[in-house]
Amino acid sequence: MSTLSEALESRKHVLSARIEEIESRMKNAPESRLRVSMRNSHPRFYEMNKKGDSTGKYLATSQGERARLLAQSDYDKKILPLLKKELNLVCTLDRLYKKETREKEEFFSGPEELIAARMVPARRNMITPITLDQKAYVEKWLAESYERKGFSPDAAEYYTSSGIRVRSKTEWMIAEMLEKKKIPFYYERPLYLQGIGTIHPDFTVLNVKRRKTLYWEQMGMMDDETYRENALYRIEQYILNGYHPGIDLILTHETSARPIRSKIIEKMIDTYLLS
């Protein structure tokens, strides 16, 4: 992700958090306003309850907390619309920047790809470009054939919109989200790990922008002790083989009491596969 894009994303998070904090605080904020006057260099505080009230009710020293709440409420009411306005501007700029970047990347990522793209098909088919354009790269990445694991006769049947069968409702949610966001992926493609042998990661996925392959493991029964121990051992083996969480490995998990939310799945895809 570019420096500008990172800066915009960071500012969006900061603004959203501040807006959420203020809106939460304003739910219990007093309706009245605070007036401050000075007498002999000492501030005196008045609470104004009615519209048009220019004097207000005097707040004694013992009511300092009430004065503080009124001051904070007045501040929040003034700053909130400004923060929302800035957030809207940042989101618009981020959207336009990403659109421009995405459009450029859809055509070429370097002069060598542009030259190949401008050739007539008959000539282009006779050469081997030093780098593939994005479309050709994805097609090549998806061209691998492999033998998938079978399903037991009594296994539940979950099929994605494109007809891929998966083993659980959560895996179906992940696969559907990947397809929706046009993320190339394999389901249960074999991967050899030294020390454990051949495993079948739930999903092998491609970050197209970075041309980077990642593995996604959805650990769905973490409240089962045996399953949990096996899952932790598997993660250790990934790390020992050079696949690190957050870099080469996407990890999601759930228990029967706390199933994963689609919002979490989407956030993982946006973070690791679309940036």
C-alpha atoms as a PDB file:
ATOM      1  CA  MET A   1       0.000   0.000   0.000  1.00  0.00           C
ATOM      2  CA  SER A   2       1.309   3.452  -0.906  1.00  0.00           C
ATOM      3  CA  THR A   3       2.213   6.081   1.649  1.00  0.00           C
ATOM      4  CA  LEU A   4      -0.776   8.251   0.674  1.00  0.00           C
ATOM      5  CA  SER A   5      -3.193   5.345   0.895  1.00  0.00           C
ATOM      6  CA  GLU A   6      -1.785   4.337   4.273  1.00  0.00           C
ATOM      7  CA  ALA A   7      -2.127   7.895   5.545  1.00  0.00           C
ATOM      8  CA  LEU A   8      -5.733   8.122   4.370  1.00  0.00           C
ATOM      9  CA  GLU A   9      -6.625   4.768   5.929  1.00  0.00           C
ATOM     10  CA  SER A  10      -4.992   5.778   9.199  1.00  0.00           C
ATOM     11  CA  ARG A  11      -6.854   9.092   9.293  1.00  0.00           C
ATOM     12  CA  LYS A  12     -10.163   7.347   8.529  1.00  0.00           C
ATOM     13  CA  HIS A  13      -9.652   5.016  11.491  1.00  0.00           C
ATOM     14  CA  VAL A  14      -8.741   7.901  13.800  1.00  0.00           C
ATOM     15  CA  LEU A  15     -11.723  10.008  12.744  1.00  0.00           C
ATOM     16  CA  SER A  16     -14.174   7.111  12.935  1.00  0.00           C
ATOM     17  CA  ALA A  17     -12.988   6.239  16.432  1.00  0.00           C
ATOM     18  CA  ARG A  18     -13.293   9.845  17.618  1.00  0.00           C
ATOM     19  CA  ILE A  19     -16.761  10.238  16.102  1.00  0.00           C
ATOM     20  CA  GLU A  20     -17.910   7.003  17.717  1.00  0.00           C
ATOM     21  CA  GLU A  21     -16.528   8.121  21.077  1.00  0.00           C
ATOM     22  CA  ILE A  22     -18.221  11.511  20.920  1.00  0.00           C
ATOM     23  CA  GLU A  23     -21.564  10.128  19.729  1.00  0.00           C
ATOM     24  CA  SER A  24     -21.520   7.597  22.551  1.00  0.00           C
ATOM     25  CA  ARG A  25     -20.758  10.340  25.085  1.00  0.00           C
ATOM     26  CA  MET A  26     -23.470  12.620  23.694  1.00  0.00           C
ATOM     27  CA  LYS A  27     -26.187  10.025  24.324  1.00  0.00           C
ATOM     28  CA  ASN A  28     -26.000  10.870  28.023  1.00  0.00           C
ATOM     29  CA  ALA A  29     -24.962  14.500  27.651  1.00  0.00           C
ATOM     30  CA  PRO A  30     -27.072  17.246  29.285  1.00  0.00           C
ATOM     31  CA  GLU A  31     -29.303  19.330  27.025  1.00  0.00           C
ATOM     32  CA  SER A  32     -28.392  22.595  28.705  1.00  0.00           C
ATOM     33  CA  ARG A  33     -25.404  24.812  27.912  1.00  0.00           C
ATOM     34  CA  LEU A  34     -22.622  26.368  29.959  1.00  0.00           C
ATOM     35  CA  ARG A  35     -21.932  30.084  30.375  1.00  0.00           C
ATOM     36  CA  VAL A  36     -18.632  31.221  31.822  1.00  0.00           C
ATOM     37  CA  SER A  37     -18.048  34.681  33.285  1.00  0.00           C
ATOM     38  CA  MET A  38     -15.072  36.120  35.110  1.00  0.00           C
ATOM     39  CA  ARG A  39     -15.204  37.894  38.476  1.00  0.00           C
ATOM     40  CA  ASN A  40     -11.984  39.144  40.007  1.00  0.00           C
ATOM     41  CA  SER A  41      -9.990  36.885  37.655  1.00  0.00           C
ATOM     42  CA  HIS A  42     -11.961  33.842  38.820  1.00  0.00           C
ATOM     43  CA  PRO A  43     -14.338  31.970  36.516  1.00  0.00           C
ATOM     44  CA  ARG A  44     -17.991  31.585  37.460  1.00  0.00           C
ATOM     45  CA  PHE A  45     -20.152  28.949  35.765  1.00  0.00           C
ATOM     46  CA  TYR A  46     -23.845  29.128  34.881  1.00  0.00           C
ATOM     47  CA  GLU A  47     -26.125  26.449  33.443  1.00  0.00           C
ATOM     48  CA  MET A  48     -28.509  27.721  30.776  1.00  0.00           C
ATOM     49  CA  ASN A  49     -31.504  25.424  30.308  1.00  0.00           C
ATOM     50  CA  LYS A  50     -33.887  27.421  28.174  1.00  0.00           C
ATOM     51  CA  LYS A  51     -33.462  28.647  24.638  1.00  0.00           C
ATOM     52  CA  GLY A  52     -32.762  32.345  24.678  1.00  0.00           C
ATOM     53  CA  ASP A  53     -31.602  32.223  28.301  1.00  0.00           C
ATOM     54  CA  SER A  54     -28.598  34.528  28.448  1.00  0.00           C
ATOM     55  CA  THR A  55     -27.987  34.360  32.190  1.00  0.00           C
ATOM     56  CA  GLY A  56     -28.462  30.830  33.474  1.00  0.00           C
ATOM     57  CA  LYS A  57     -28.410  29.246  36.888  1.00  0.00           C
ATOM     58  CA  TYR A  58     -25.263  29.710  38.957  1.00  0.00           C
ATOM     59  CA  LEU A  59     -23.252  26.539  39.616  1.00  0.00           C
ATOM     60  CA  ALA A  60     -21.519  26.453  42.978  1.00  0.00           C
ATOM     61  CA  THR A  61     -17.961  25.212  43.461  1.00  0.00           C
ATOM     62  CA  SER A  62     -19.363  21.897  44.677  1.00  0.00           C
ATOM     63  CA  GLN A  63     -21.032  21.492  41.261  1.00  0.00           C
ATOM     64  CA  GLY A  64     -17.746  21.516  39.400  1.00  0.00           C
ATOM     65  CA  GLU A  65     -18.409  18.110  37.817  1.00  0.00           C
ATOM     66  CA  ARG A  66     -21.687  19.415  36.378  1.00  0.00           C
ATOM     67  CA  ALA A  67     -19.828  22.373  34.880  1.00  0.00           C
ATOM     68  CA  ARG A  68     -17.260  20.019  33.383  1.00  0.00           C
ATOM     69  CA  LEU A  69     -19.980  17.883  31.762  1.00  0.00           C
ATOM     70  CA  LEU A  70     -21.605  20.978  30.268  1.00  0.00           C
ATOM     71  CA  ALA A  71     -18.275  22.230  28.933  1.00  0.00           C
ATOM     72  CA  GLN A  72     -17.545  18.852  27.354  1.00  0.00           C
ATOM     73  CA  SER A  73     -21.031  18.694  25.857  1.00  0.00           C
ATOM     74  CA  ASP A  74     -20.648  22.151  24.315  1.00  0.00           C
ATOM     75  CA  TYR A  75     -17.304  21.141  22.847  1.00  0.00           C
ATOM     76  CA  ASP A  76     -18.621  17.830  21.501  1.00  0.00           C
ATOM     77  CA  LYS A  77     -21.548  19.524  19.762  1.00  0.00           C
ATOM     78  CA  LYS A  78     -19.168  21.892  17.971  1.00  0.00           C
ATOM     79  CA  ILE A  79     -16.459  19.402  17.035  1.00  0.00           C
ATOM     80  CA  LEU A  80     -18.673  16.507  15.886  1.00  0.00           C
ATOM     81  CA  PRO A  81     -19.908  18.058  12.604  1.00  0.00           C
ATOM     82  CA  LEU A  82     -16.354  19.128  11.764  1.00  0.00           C
ATOM     83  CA  LEU A  83     -15.027  15.604  12.289  1.00  0.00           C
ATOM     84  CA  LYS A  84     -17.820  14.152  10.161  1.00  0.00           C
ATOM     85  CA  LYS A  85     -17.103  16.644   7.415  1.00  0.00           C
ATOM     86  CA  GLU A  86     -13.405  15.766   7.455  1.00  0.00           C
ATOM     87  CA  LEU A  87     -14.180  12.028   7.440  1.00  0.00           C
ATOM     88  CA  ASN A  88     -16.416  12.475   4.408  1.00  0.00           C
ATOM     89  CA  LEU A  89     -13.663  14.371   2.582  1.00  0.00           C
ATOM     90  CA  VAL A  90     -11.010  11.769   3.493  1.00  0.00           C
ATOM     91  CA  CYS A  91     -13.272   8.899   2.374  1.00  0.00           C
ATOM     92  CA  THR A  92     -13.944  10.655  -0.932  1.00  0.00           C
ATOM     93  CA  LEU A  93     -10.246  11.272  -1.545  1.00  0.00           C
ATOM     94  CA  ASP A  94      -9.379   7.687  -0.590  1.00  0.00           C
ATOM     95  CA  ARG A  95     -12.069   6.302  -2.895  1.00  0.00           C
ATOM     96  CA  LEU A  96     -10.895   8.424  -5.836  1.00  0.00           C
ATOM     97  CA  TYR A  97      -7.237   7.560  -5.222  1.00  0.00           C
ATOM     98  CA  LYS A  98      -7.935   3.831  -5.025  1.00  0.00           C
ATOM     99  CA  LYS A  99     -10.083   3.981  -8.152  1.00  0.00           C
ATOM    100  CA  GLU A 100      -7.310   5.691 -10.093  1.00  0.00           C
ATOM    101  CA  THR A 101      -4.694   3.253  -8.779  1.00  0.00           C
ATOM    102  CA  ARG A 102      -6.900   0.239  -9.508  1.00  0.00           C
ATOM    103  CA  GLU A 103      -7.586   1.396 -13.065  1.00  0.00           C
ATOM    104  CA  LYS A 104      -3.875   1.819 -13.726  1.00  0.00           C
ATOM    105  CA  GLU A 105      -3.056  -1.600 -12.314  1.00  0.00           C
ATOM    106  CA  GLU A 106      -5.749  -3.253 -14.420  1.00  0.00           C
ATOM    107  CA  PHE A 107      -3.883  -2.216 -17.557  1.00  0.00           C
ATOM    108  CA  PHE A 108      -0.228  -2.590 -16.684  1.00  0.00           C
ATOM    109  CA  SER A 109       2.213  -2.567 -13.825  1.00  0.00           C
ATOM    110  CA  GLY A 110       5.290  -1.685 -15.837  1.00  0.00           C
ATOM    111  CA  PRO A 111       6.491  -0.684 -19.351  1.00  0.00           C
ATOM    112  CA  GLU A 112       7.335  -4.281 -20.277  1.00  0.00           C
ATOM    113  CA  GLU A 113       3.705  -5.278 -19.777  1.00  0.00           C
ATOM    114  CA  LEU A 114       2.443  -2.278 -21.716  1.00  0.00           C
ATOM    115  CA  ILE A 115       4.593  -3.195 -24.711  1.00  0.00           C
ATOM    116  CA  ALA A 116       3.290  -6.765 -24.702  1.00  0.00           C
ATOM    117  CA  ALA A 117      -0.302  -5.590 -24.323  1.00  0.00           C
ATOM    118  CA  ARG A 118      -0.007  -3.370 -27.425  1.00  0.00           C
ATOM    119  CA  MET A 119       1.105  -6.251 -29.642  1.00  0.00           C
ATOM    120  CA  VAL A 120      -1.368  -7.973 -31.918  1.00  0.00           C
ATOM    121  CA  PRO A 121      -2.326 -11.395 -30.487  1.00  0.00           C
ATOM    122  CA  ALA A 122      -0.427 -13.354 -33.160  1.00  0.00           C
ATOM    123  CA  ARG A 123       2.831 -11.592 -32.255  1.00  0.00           C
ATOM    124  CA  ARG A 124       2.216 -11.591 -28.504  1.00  0.00           C
ATOM    125  CA  ASN A 125       1.613 -15.345 -28.523  1.00  0.00           C
ATOM    126  CA  MET A 126       5.104 -15.890 -29.968  1.00  0.00           C
ATOM    127  CA  ILE A 127       6.987 -14.203 -27.124  1.00  0.00           C
ATOM    128  CA  THR A 128       7.493 -14.770 -23.427  1.00  0.00           C
ATOM    129  CA  PRO A 129       7.123 -11.411 -21.645  1.00  0.00           C
ATOM    130  CA  ILE A 130       9.601 -10.783 -18.842  1.00  0.00           C
ATOM    131  CA  THR A 131       6.565 -10.214 -16.621  1.00  0.00           C
ATOM    132  CA  LEU A 132       2.968 -11.233 -17.152  1.00  0.00           C
ATOM    133  CA  ASP A 133       0.199  -8.672 -17.106  1.00  0.00           C
ATOM    134  CA  GLN A 134      -2.245  -8.975 -14.228  1.00  0.00           C
ATOM    135  CA  LYS A 135      -4.876 -10.947 -16.100  1.00  0.00           C
ATOM    136  CA  ALA A 136      -2.338 -13.422 -17.489  1.00  0.00           C
ATOM    137  CA  TYR A 137      -0.704 -13.781 -14.087  1.00  0.00           C
ATOM    138  CA  VAL A 138      -4.006 -14.655 -12.418  1.00  0.00           C
ATOM    139  CA  GLU A 139      -4.884 -17.110 -15.184  1.00  0.00           C
ATOM    140  CA  LYS A 140      -1.527 -18.834 -14.774  1.00  0.00           C
ATOM    141  CA  TRP A 141      -1.898 -18.912 -10.984  1.00  0.00           C
ATOM    142  CA  LEU A 142      -5.308 -20.551 -11.297  1.00  0.00           C
ATOM    143  CA  ALA A 143      -4.201 -23.067 -13.902  1.00  0.00           C
ATOM    144  CA  GLU A 144      -2.788 -25.580 -11.424  1.00  0.00           C
ATOM    145  CA  SER A 145      -4.720 -28.829 -11.118  1.00  0.00           C
ATOM    146  CA  TYR A 146      -4.709 -30.874  -7.926  1.00  0.00           C
ATOM    147  CA  GLU A 147      -6.509 -33.698  -6.238  1.00  0.00           C
ATOM    148  CA  ARG A 148      -8.887 -32.523  -3.554  1.00  0.00           C
ATOM    149  CA  LYS A 149      -9.762 -34.309  -0.362  1.00  0.00           C
ATOM    150  CA  GLY A 150     -12.941 -36.336  -0.467  1.00  0.00           C
ATOM    151  CA  PHE A 151     -16.078 -35.937   1.635  1.00  0.00           C
ATOM    152  CA  SER A 152     -17.563 -38.594   3.874  1.00  0.00           C
ATOM    153  CA  PRO A 153     -21.010 -39.834   2.786  1.00  0.00           C
ATOM    154  CA  ASP A 154     -22.747 -38.224   5.759  1.00  0.00           C
ATOM    155  CA  ALA A 155     -20.959 -34.847   5.460  1.00  0.00           C
ATOM    156  CA  ALA A 156     -23.122 -31.739   5.201  1.00  0.00           C
ATOM    157  CA  GLU A 157     -23.221 -30.204   1.746  1.00  0.00           C
ATOM    158  CA  TYR A 158     -22.329 -26.554   1.256  1.00  0.00           C
ATOM    159  CA  TYR A 159     -21.783 -25.199  -2.268  1.00  0.00           C
ATOM    160  CA  THR A 160     -20.615 -21.753  -3.299  1.00  0.00           C
ATOM    161  CA  SER A 161     -22.264 -19.774  -6.080  1.00  0.00           C
ATOM    162  CA  SER A 162     -19.655 -21.123  -8.498  1.00  0.00           C
ATOM    163  CA  GLY A 163     -20.258 -24.725  -7.432  1.00  0.00           C
ATOM    164  CA  ILE A 164     -17.292 -25.339  -5.110  1.00  0.00           C
ATOM    165  CA  ARG A 165     -18.155 -27.689  -2.276  1.00  0.00           C
ATOM    166  CA  VAL A 166     -16.825 -26.791   1.176  1.00  0.00           C
ATOM    167  CA  ARG A 167     -17.113 -28.408   4.602  1.00  0.00           C
ATOM    168  CA  SER A 168     -18.842 -25.856   6.788  1.00  0.00           C
ATOM    169  CA  LYS A 169     -21.111 -22.854   6.777  1.00  0.00           C
ATOM    170  CA  THR A 170     -18.213 -20.614   7.808  1.00  0.00           C
ATOM    171  CA  GLU A 171     -16.026 -21.876   4.950  1.00  0.00           C
ATOM    172  CA  TRP A 172     -18.978 -21.213   2.658  1.00  0.00           C
ATOM    173  CA  MET A 173     -19.131 -17.628   3.979  1.00  0.00           C
ATOM    174  CA  ILE A 174     -15.415 -17.154   3.348  1.00  0.00           C
ATOM    175  CA  ALA A 175     -15.574 -18.646  -0.146  1.00  0.00           C
ATOM    176  CA  GLU A 176     -18.606 -16.544  -1.069  1.00  0.00           C
ATOM    177  CA  MET A 177     -16.878 -13.382   0.132  1.00  0.00           C
ATOM    178  CA  LEU A 178     -13.728 -14.261  -1.821  1.00  0.00           C
ATOM    179  CA  GLU A 179     -15.774 -14.794  -4.961  1.00  0.00           C
ATOM    180  CA  LYS A 180     -17.726 -11.595  -4.395  1.00  0.00           C
ATOM    181  CA  LYS A 181     -14.513  -9.591  -4.093  1.00  0.00           C
ATOM    182  CA  LYS A 182     -12.935 -11.438  -7.054  1.00  0.00           C
ATOM    183  CA  ILE A 183     -10.072 -12.918  -5.034  1.00  0.00           C
ATOM    184  CA  PRO A 184      -8.457 -15.908  -6.809  1.00  0.00           C
ATOM    185  CA  PHE A 185      -8.357 -18.933  -4.518  1.00  0.00           C
ATOM    186  CA  TYR A 186      -8.046 -22.698  -4.248  1.00  0.00           C
ATOM    187  CA  TYR A 187      -9.956 -24.775  -1.742  1.00  0.00           C
ATOM    188  CA  GLU A 188      -7.933 -27.405   0.130  1.00  0.00           C
ATOM    189  CA  ARG A 189      -5.001 -27.367  -2.279  1.00  0.00           C
ATOM    190  CA  PRO A 190      -2.188 -29.590  -0.913  1.00  0.00           C
ATOM    191  CA  LEU A 191       0.816 -27.947   0.750  1.00  0.00           C
ATOM    192  CA  TYR A 192       3.872 -29.799   2.010  1.00  0.00           C
ATOM    193  CA  LEU A 193       5.267 -28.706   5.373  1.00  0.00           C
ATOM    194  CA  GLN A 194       8.477 -30.203   6.640  1.00  0.00           C
ATOM    195  CA  GLY A 195       7.879 -31.911   9.958  1.00  0.00           C
ATOM    196  CA  ILE A 196       4.185 -32.540   9.386  1.00  0.00           C
ATOM    197  CA  GLY A 197       3.931 -33.669   5.763  1.00  0.00           C
ATOM    198  CA  THR A 198       1.225 -32.771   3.261  1.00  0.00           C
ATOM    199  CA  ILE A 199      -1.651 -30.726   4.607  1.00  0.00           C
ATOM    200  CA  HIS A 200      -4.655 -29.127   2.927  1.00  0.00           C
ATOM    201  CA  PRO A 201      -5.049 -25.469   3.958  1.00  0.00           C
ATOM    202  CA  ASP A 202      -8.667 -24.406   3.908  1.00  0.00           C
ATOM    203  CA  PHE A 203      -7.926 -21.733   1.315  1.00  0.00           C
ATOM    204  CA  THR A 204      -4.916 -20.818  -0.784  1.00  0.00           C
ATOM    205  CA  VAL A 205      -5.490 -17.209  -1.813  1.00  0.00           C
ATOM    206  CA  LEU A 206      -3.800 -14.627  -4.010  1.00  0.00           C
ATOM    207  CA  ASN A 207      -3.199 -10.955  -3.295  1.00  0.00           C
ATOM    208  CA  VAL A 208      -3.319  -9.856  -6.922  1.00  0.00           C
ATOM    209  CA  LYS A 209      -1.803  -6.420  -6.367  1.00  0.00           C
ATOM    210  CA  ARG A 210       1.253  -7.835  -4.619  1.00  0.00           C
ATOM    211  CA  ARG A 211       1.224 -11.115  -6.567  1.00  0.00           C
ATOM    212  CA  LYS A 212       1.593 -12.869  -3.251  1.00  0.00           C
ATOM    213  CA  THR A 213       0.177 -16.251  -2.269  1.00  0.00           C
ATOM    214  CA  LEU A 214      -1.204 -16.633   1.249  1.00  0.00           C
ATOM    215  CA  TYR A 215      -2.828 -19.477   3.156  1.00  0.00           C
ATOM    216  CA  TRP A 216      -6.055 -19.091   5.108  1.00  0.00           C
ATOM    217  CA  GLU A 217      -6.925 -21.430   7.952  1.00  0.00           C
ATOM    218  CA  GLN A 218     -10.400 -21.227   9.476  1.00  0.00           C
ATOM    219  CA  MET A 219     -10.322 -22.899  12.885  1.00  0.00           C
ATOM    220  CA  GLY A 220     -13.936 -23.646  13.591  1.00  0.00           C
ATOM    221  CA  MET A 221     -14.097 -25.694  16.773  1.00  0.00           C
ATOM    222  CA  MET A 222     -11.735 -23.944  19.152  1.00  0.00           C
ATOM    223  CA  ASP A 223     -13.857 -24.899  22.182  1.00  0.00           C
ATOM    224  CA  ASP A 224     -12.991 -28.556  21.533  1.00  0.00           C
ATOM    225  CA  GLU A 225      -9.742 -29.355  23.363  1.00  0.00           C
ATOM    226  CA  THR A 226      -8.435 -31.960  20.897  1.00  0.00           C
ATOM    227  CA  TYR A 227      -9.261 -29.758  17.895  1.00  0.00           C
ATOM    228  CA  ARG A 228      -7.643 -26.748  19.587  1.00  0.00           C
ATOM    229  CA  GLU A 229      -4.398 -28.617  20.326  1.00  0.00           C
ATOM    230  CA  ASN A 230      -4.207 -29.854  16.720  1.00  0.00           C
ATOM    231  CA  ALA A 231      -4.871 -26.354  15.409  1.00  0.00           C
ATOM    232  CA  LEU A 232      -2.125 -24.833  17.558  1.00  0.00           C
ATOM    233  CA  TYR A 233       0.314 -27.534  16.460  1.00  0.00           C
ATOM    234  CA  ARG A 234      -0.552 -26.842  12.837  1.00  0.00           C
ATOM    235  CA  ILE A 235       0.090 -23.110  13.290  1.00  0.00           C
ATOM    236  CA  GLU A 236       3.472 -23.890  14.866  1.00  0.00           C
ATOM    237  CA  GLN A 237       4.404 -25.989  11.847  1.00  0.00           C
ATOM    238  CA  TYR A 238       3.423 -23.196   9.487  1.00  0.00           C
ATOM    239  CA  ILE A 239       5.735 -20.828  11.362  1.00  0.00           C
ATOM    240  CA  LEU A 240       8.615 -23.313  11.420  1.00  0.00           C
ATOM    241  CA  ASN A 241       8.254 -23.625   7.638  1.00  0.00           C
ATOM    242  CA  GLY A 242       8.436 -19.869   7.122  1.00  0.00           C
ATOM    243  CA  TYR A 243       4.734 -19.034   6.899  1.00  0.00           C
ATOM    244  CA  HIS A 244       3.938 -16.356   9.465  1.00  0.00           C
ATOM    245  CA  PRO A 245       0.521 -15.123  10.659  1.00  0.00           C
ATOM    246  CA  GLY A 246      -0.289 -11.714   9.245  1.00  0.00           C
ATOM    247  CA  ILE A 247       2.314 -12.088   6.499  1.00  0.00           C
ATOM    248  CA  ASP A 248       1.819 -15.388   4.693  1.00  0.00           C
ATOM    249  CA  LEU A 249      -0.916 -16.852   6.857  1.00  0.00           C
ATOM    250  CA  ILE A 250      -4.466 -15.632   7.551  1.00  0.00           C
ATOM    251  CA  LEU A 251      -6.057 -17.090  10.682  1.00  0.00           C
ATOM    252  CA  THR A 252      -9.690 -16.915  11.708  1.00  0.00           C
ATOM    253  CA  HIS A 253     -11.379 -18.853  14.469  1.00  0.00           C
ATOM    254  CA  GLU A 254     -14.657 -19.382  16.253  1.00  0.00           C
ATOM    255  CA  THR A 255     -16.354 -21.407  18.961  1.00  0.00           C
ATOM    256  CA  SER A 256     -19.880 -22.712  19.223  1.00  0.00           C
ATOM    257  CA  ALA A 257     -20.718 -19.786  21.516  1.00  0.00           C
ATOM    258  CA  ARG A 258     -18.951 -17.151  19.414  1.00  0.00           C
ATOM    259  CA  PRO A 259     -19.319 -17.823  15.667  1.00  0.00           C
ATOM    260  CA  ILE A 260     -17.351 -15.668  13.278  1.00  0.00           C
ATOM    261  CA  ARG A 261     -19.123 -12.666  11.773  1.00  0.00           C
ATOM    262  CA  SER A 262     -19.165 -11.878   8.069  1.00  0.00           C
ATOM    263  CA  LYS A 263     -17.829  -8.413   8.929  1.00  0.00           C
ATOM    264  CA  ILE A 264     -14.660 -10.024  10.318  1.00  0.00           C
ATOM    265  CA  ILE A 265     -14.226 -12.112   7.174  1.00  0.00           C
ATOM    266  CA  GLU A 266     -14.609  -9.041   4.987  1.00  0.00           C
ATOM    267  CA  LYS A 267     -12.127  -7.103   7.123  1.00  0.00           C
ATOM    268  CA  MET A 268      -9.533  -9.886   6.762  1.00  0.00           C
ATOM    269  CA  ILE A 269      -9.961  -9.925   2.983  1.00  0.00           C
ATOM    270  CA  ASP A 270      -9.712  -6.153   2.689  1.00  0.00           C
ATOM    271  CA  THR A 271      -6.624  -6.062   4.909  1.00  0.00           C
ATOM    272  CA  TYR A 272      -4.614  -8.962   3.563  1.00  0.00           C
ATOM    273  CA  LEU A 273      -5.836  -9.515   0.006  1.00  0.00           C
ATOM    274  CA  LEU A 274      -6.905  -6.133  -1.362  1.00  0.00           C
ATOM    275  CA  SER A 275      -4.201  -3.820  -0.012  1.00  0.00           C
END
